[in-house]
Amino acid sequence: MKILRNLIASIAVIAGLAFVAVPAGAVDVFSGACSGATSSTVVCKSTTTDTSVSTVIKNVINTLLYLLGAAAVIVIVIAGILYVTSGGETAGVTRAKNMLLYAVVGLVIALLAYAIVNFVISRFITK
């Protein structure tokens, strides 16, 4: 059982590292092309970033929801593995079912929080 727990923890850490963003240096190949008469094309349109409070809050919430969703999927998979490997043991089955229940309840609460935050931002914070 300890080996299985270590294996699951190792897989979770490796999966977590897959979500780490690595900055990449981009080259602006369109800077010279947009100075001519075709500057109204889709490629040449201005891509200014919106740094308003509502946009920043939405971006933070979306990122946290993405991470929470990934964590919930990992916990659900671990709960499934624990359920299958419990061998009919009552304590193991109960633990796996509780993990699954808590993961789903946490995901539902996160989705409700997302909806509430978006509602408040759209109603009370204006651009």
Protein backbone atom coordinates (compact mmCIF):
# COMPACT_ATOMS: atom_id res chain seq x y z
CA MET A 1 0.00 0.00 0.00
CA LYS A 2 2.89 2.37 0.77
CA ILE A 3 4.43 1.68 -2.63
CA LEU A 4 1.13 2.47 -4.32
CA ARG A 5 0.81 5.72 -2.35
CA ASN A 6 4.35 6.74 -3.35
CA LEU A 7 3.62 5.88 -6.97
CA ILE A 8 0.43 7.96 -6.96
CA ALA A 9 2.22 10.87 -5.29
CA SER A 10 5.01 10.70 -7.88
CA ILE A 11 2.51 10.70 -10.74
CA ALA A 12 0.66 13.65 -9.18
CA VAL A 13 3.90 15.64 -8.87
CA ILE A 14 4.88 14.89 -12.47
CA ALA A 15 1.39 15.82 -13.68
CA GLY A 16 1.57 19.02 -11.63
CA LEU A 17 4.86 19.96 -13.27
CA ALA A 18 3.18 19.66 -16.66
CA PHE A 19 1.00 22.66 -15.77
CA VAL A 20 3.92 24.97 -15.02
CA ALA A 21 4.09 27.68 -17.66
CA VAL A 22 7.45 28.19 -19.31
CA PRO A 23 7.98 31.66 -20.78
CA ALA A 24 8.97 31.66 -24.41
CA GLY A 25 10.72 34.43 -26.28
CA ALA A 26 8.59 35.46 -29.24
CA VAL A 27 9.76 37.29 -32.32
CA ASP A 28 7.53 40.02 -33.76
CA VAL A 29 7.64 39.14 -37.44
CA PHE A 30 4.77 41.47 -38.33
CA SER A 31 6.23 44.76 -37.07
CA GLY A 32 7.59 45.79 -40.48
CA ALA A 33 4.62 44.42 -42.41
CA CYS A 34 2.06 46.57 -40.58
CA SER A 35 3.51 49.96 -41.59
CA GLY A 36 2.06 49.92 -45.11
CA ALA A 37 -1.40 50.40 -46.54
CA THR A 38 -2.60 47.02 -45.30
CA SER A 39 -2.45 48.00 -41.62
CA SER A 40 -6.17 47.33 -41.16
CA THR A 41 -5.81 43.59 -41.63
CA VAL A 42 -6.45 41.16 -38.81
CA VAL A 43 -2.74 40.60 -38.26
CA CYS A 44 -1.95 44.30 -37.94
CA LYS A 45 -4.78 45.34 -35.62
CA SER A 46 -3.75 46.66 -32.25
CA THR A 47 -3.48 43.98 -29.56
CA THR A 48 -3.45 46.12 -26.46
CA THR A 49 -4.01 44.26 -23.23
CA ASP A 50 -6.82 45.24 -20.90
CA THR A 51 -5.51 45.79 -17.38
CA SER A 52 -8.75 46.85 -15.74
CA VAL A 53 -9.61 45.47 -12.32
CA SER A 54 -12.40 43.27 -13.66
CA THR A 55 -10.15 41.72 -16.30
CA VAL A 56 -7.39 41.00 -13.80
CA ILE A 57 -9.87 39.44 -11.35
CA LYS A 58 -11.40 37.33 -14.12
CA ASN A 59 -7.96 36.14 -15.24
CA VAL A 60 -6.97 35.18 -11.69
CA ILE A 61 -10.26 33.35 -11.10
CA ASN A 62 -9.99 31.53 -14.44
CA THR A 63 -6.44 30.41 -13.62
CA LEU A 64 -7.43 29.21 -10.16
CA LEU A 65 -10.46 27.40 -11.58
CA TYR A 66 -8.24 25.69 -14.14
CA LEU A 67 -5.84 24.52 -11.43
CA LEU A 68 -8.71 23.43 -9.20
CA GLY A 69 -10.24 21.45 -12.05
CA ALA A 70 -6.93 19.71 -12.71
CA ALA A 71 -6.54 18.93 -9.00
CA ALA A 72 -10.11 17.59 -8.83
CA VAL A 73 -9.48 15.28 -11.77
CA ILE A 74 -6.31 13.99 -10.12
CA VAL A 75 -8.14 13.39 -6.81
CA ILE A 76 -10.98 11.62 -8.64
CA VAL A 77 -8.48 9.34 -10.40
CA ILE A 78 -6.70 8.61 -7.10
CA ALA A 79 -10.06 7.86 -5.45
CA GLY A 80 -10.88 5.47 -8.27
CA ILE A 81 -7.55 3.70 -7.88
CA LEU A 82 -8.05 3.45 -4.12
CA TYR A 83 -11.55 2.07 -4.66
CA VAL A 84 -10.35 -0.57 -7.08
CA THR A 85 -7.37 -1.59 -4.94
CA SER A 86 -9.28 -1.64 -1.64
CA GLY A 87 -10.06 -5.34 -2.09
CA GLY A 88 -13.52 -4.98 -0.57
CA GLU A 89 -12.11 -3.65 2.69
CA THR A 90 -14.75 -1.44 4.31
CA ALA A 91 -12.32 1.23 5.47
CA GLY A 92 -10.67 1.50 2.04
CA VAL A 93 -13.98 1.68 0.20
CA THR A 94 -15.28 4.34 2.57
CA ARG A 95 -12.09 6.38 2.20
CA ALA A 96 -12.26 6.21 -1.59
CA LYS A 97 -15.94 7.16 -1.67
CA ASN A 98 -15.32 10.10 0.67
CA MET A 99 -12.43 11.32 -1.49
CA LEU A 100 -14.64 11.14 -4.57
CA LEU A 101 -17.50 12.92 -2.83
CA TYR A 102 -15.28 15.70 -1.48
CA ALA A 103 -13.63 16.21 -4.88
CA VAL A 104 -16.99 16.58 -6.62
CA VAL A 105 -18.39 18.85 -3.88
CA GLY A 106 -15.27 21.02 -4.06
CA LEU A 107 -15.60 21.27 -7.83
CA VAL A 108 -19.26 22.28 -7.55
CA ILE A 109 -18.41 24.93 -4.94
CA ALA A 110 -15.63 26.27 -7.18
CA LEU A 111 -18.00 26.52 -10.14
CA LEU A 112 -20.57 28.33 -8.00
CA ALA A 113 -17.88 30.72 -6.77
CA TYR A 114 -16.87 31.35 -10.39
CA ALA A 115 -20.47 32.15 -11.30
CA ILE A 116 -20.89 34.48 -8.32
CA VAL A 117 -17.65 36.35 -9.04
CA ASN A 118 -18.56 36.82 -12.69
CA PHE A 119 -22.05 38.02 -11.71
CA VAL A 120 -20.67 40.56 -9.23
CA ILE A 121 -18.05 41.80 -11.69
CA SER A 122 -20.56 42.20 -14.53
CA ARG A 123 -23.10 43.98 -12.31
CA PHE A 124 -21.02 46.21 -10.07
CA ILE A 125 -17.61 46.78 -11.67
CA THR A 126 -17.75 48.78 -14.86
CA LYS A 127 -15.03 49.46 -17.36
